[in-house]
C-alpha atoms as a PDB file:
ATOM      1  CA  UNK A   1      -6.342  25.175   2.089  1.00  0.00           C
ATOM      2  CA  UNK A   2      -8.926  23.094   0.590  1.00  0.00           C
ATOM      3  CA  UNK A   3      -8.253  24.116  -2.898  1.00  0.00           C
ATOM      4  CA  UNK A   4      -4.604  22.770  -2.193  1.00  0.00           C
ATOM      5  CA  UNK A   5      -5.702  19.576  -1.136  1.00  0.00           C
ATOM      6  CA  UNK A   6      -8.045  19.097  -3.993  1.00  0.00           C
ATOM      7  CA  UNK A   7      -5.296  20.011  -6.797  1.00  0.00           C
ATOM      8  CA  UNK A   8      -3.061  17.465  -4.808  1.00  0.00           C
ATOM      9  CA  UNK A   9      -5.178  14.459  -4.968  1.00  0.00           C
ATOM     10  CA  UNK A  10      -6.589  15.328  -8.608  1.00  0.00           C
ATOM     11  CA  UNK A  11      -2.893  15.252  -9.591  1.00  0.00           C
ATOM     12  CA  UNK A  12      -2.048  12.298  -7.432  1.00  0.00           C
ATOM     13  CA  UNK A  13      -5.002  10.414  -8.780  1.00  0.00           C
ATOM     14  CA  UNK A  14      -4.062  11.336 -12.257  1.00  0.00           C
ATOM     15  CA  UNK A  15      -0.717   9.625 -12.150  1.00  0.00           C
ATOM     16  CA  UNK A  16      -1.369   6.693 -10.107  1.00  0.00           C
ATOM     17  CA  UNK A  17      -4.870   5.204 -10.288  1.00  0.00           C
ATOM     18  CA  UNK A  18      -7.186   4.669 -13.477  1.00  0.00           C
ATOM     19  CA  UNK A  19      -6.025   7.912 -14.691  1.00  0.00           C
ATOM     20  CA  UNK A  20      -2.657   6.789 -15.487  1.00  0.00           C
ATOM     21  CA  UNK A  21      -3.942   6.094 -18.845  1.00  0.00           C
ATOM     22  CA  UNK A  22      -4.927   9.575 -19.384  1.00  0.00           C
ATOM     23  CA  UNK A  23      -1.405  10.571 -17.852  1.00  0.00           C
ATOM     24  CA  UNK A  24       0.326   8.703 -20.654  1.00  0.00           C
ATOM     25  CA  UNK A  25      -1.662  10.703 -23.231  1.00  0.00           C
ATOM     26  CA  UNK A  26      -0.352  13.787 -21.769  1.00  0.00           C
ATOM     27  CA  UNK A  27       3.139  12.256 -21.851  1.00  0.00           C
ATOM     28  CA  UNK A  28       3.042  13.002 -25.604  1.00  0.00           C
ATOM     29  CA  UNK A  29       2.539  16.835 -24.885  1.00  0.00           C
ATOM     30  CA  UNK A  30       4.959  17.117 -22.038  1.00  0.00           C
ATOM     31  CA  UNK A  31       7.516  15.171 -23.768  1.00  0.00           C
ATOM     32  CA  UNK A  32       9.366  11.772 -23.213  1.00  0.00           C
ATOM     33  CA  UNK A  33       9.295   8.410 -24.121  1.00  0.00           C
ATOM     34  CA  UNK A  34       9.576   5.157 -22.397  1.00  0.00           C
ATOM     35  CA  UNK A  35      13.166   5.987 -21.305  1.00  0.00           C
ATOM     36  CA  UNK A  36      11.578   8.730 -19.203  1.00  0.00           C
ATOM     37  CA  UNK A  37       8.458   7.010 -18.042  1.00  0.00           C
ATOM     38  CA  UNK A  38      10.123   5.867 -14.715  1.00  0.00           C
ATOM     39  CA  UNK A  39      10.283   9.430 -13.733  1.00  0.00           C
ATOM     40  CA  UNK A  40       6.512  10.058 -13.458  1.00  0.00           C
ATOM     41  CA  UNK A  41       6.063   8.254 -10.373  1.00  0.00           C
ATOM     42  CA  UNK A  42       8.523  10.478  -8.877  1.00  0.00           C
ATOM     43  CA  UNK A  43       6.703  13.601 -10.244  1.00  0.00           C
ATOM     44  CA  UNK A  44       3.778  12.300  -8.290  1.00  0.00           C
ATOM     45  CA  UNK A  45       5.818  11.909  -4.956  1.00  0.00           C
ATOM     46  CA  UNK A  46       7.344  15.851  -5.536  1.00  0.00           C
ATOM     47  CA  UNK A  47       3.668  17.070  -6.165  1.00  0.00           C
ATOM     48  CA  UNK A  48       2.717  15.168  -2.695  1.00  0.00           C
ATOM     49  CA  UNK A  49       5.453  16.555  -0.951  1.00  0.00           C
ATOM     50  CA  UNK A  50       4.873  19.972  -2.025  1.00  0.00           C
ATOM     51  CA  UNK A  51       1.142  20.032  -1.100  1.00  0.00           C
ATOM     52  CA  UNK A  52       2.044  18.595   2.220  1.00  0.00           C
ATOM     53  CA  UNK A  53       4.550  21.368   2.642  1.00  0.00           C
ATOM     54  CA  UNK A  54       2.129  23.805   1.694  1.00  0.00           C
ATOM     55  CA  UNK A  55      -0.621  22.585   3.772  1.00  0.00           C
ATOM     56  CA  UNK A  56       1.154  22.304   7.221  1.00  0.00           C
ATOM     57  CA  UNK A  57       2.762  25.983   6.210  1.00  0.00           C
ATOM     58  CA  UNK A  58      -0.755  27.014   6.148  1.00  0.00           C
ATOM     59  CA  UNK A  59      -1.748  25.405   9.599  1.00  0.00           C
ATOM     60  CA  UNK A  60       1.207  26.618  11.183  1.00  0.00           C
ATOM     61  CA  UNK A  61       0.361  30.422   9.971  1.00  0.00           C
ATOM     62  CA  UNK A  62      -3.173  29.958  11.406  1.00  0.00           C
ATOM     63  CA  UNK A  63      -1.473  28.817  14.638  1.00  0.00           C
ATOM     64  CA  UNK A  64       0.696  31.834  14.852  1.00  0.00           C
ATOM     65  CA  UNK A  65      -2.019  34.166  13.871  1.00  0.00           C
ATOM     66  CA  UNK A  66      -4.266  32.559  16.717  1.00  0.00           C
ATOM     67  CA  UNK A  67      -1.675  33.055  19.198  1.00  0.00           C
ATOM     68  CA  UNK A  68      -0.843  36.508  18.048  1.00  0.00           C
ATOM     69  CA  UNK A  69      -4.281  37.768  18.555  1.00  0.00           C
ATOM     70  CA  UNK A  70      -4.448  35.849  21.897  1.00  0.00           C
ATOM     71  CA  UNK A  71      -1.286  38.017  23.288  1.00  0.00           C
ATOM     72  CA  UNK A  72      -2.786  40.787  21.925  1.00  0.00           C
ATOM     73  CA  UNK A  73      -6.154  40.457  23.652  1.00  0.00           C
ATOM     74  CA  UNK A  74      -4.042  39.343  27.058  1.00  0.00           C
ATOM     75  CA  UNK A  75      -1.839  42.524  26.879  1.00  0.00           C
ATOM     76  CA  UNK A  76      -4.871  44.759  26.202  1.00  0.00           C
ATOM     77  CA  UNK A  77      -6.583  43.830  29.332  1.00  0.00           C
END
């Protein structure tokens, strides 16, 4: 989970904060020009939403596993 959060924060910082200058350099590699530059904030939002979905899914799966272990422990008594 921490790897996901670190990657999400790094991409957000790369696109929004002072790293945005680095992102403009990468845009030459990715393609597009001034006409496509309005899409970069949308890409940042998509990255944040994907990280949020993955993070929430991991938390839910951990809770389900804990509940399953609790049920098994109670049924074995």
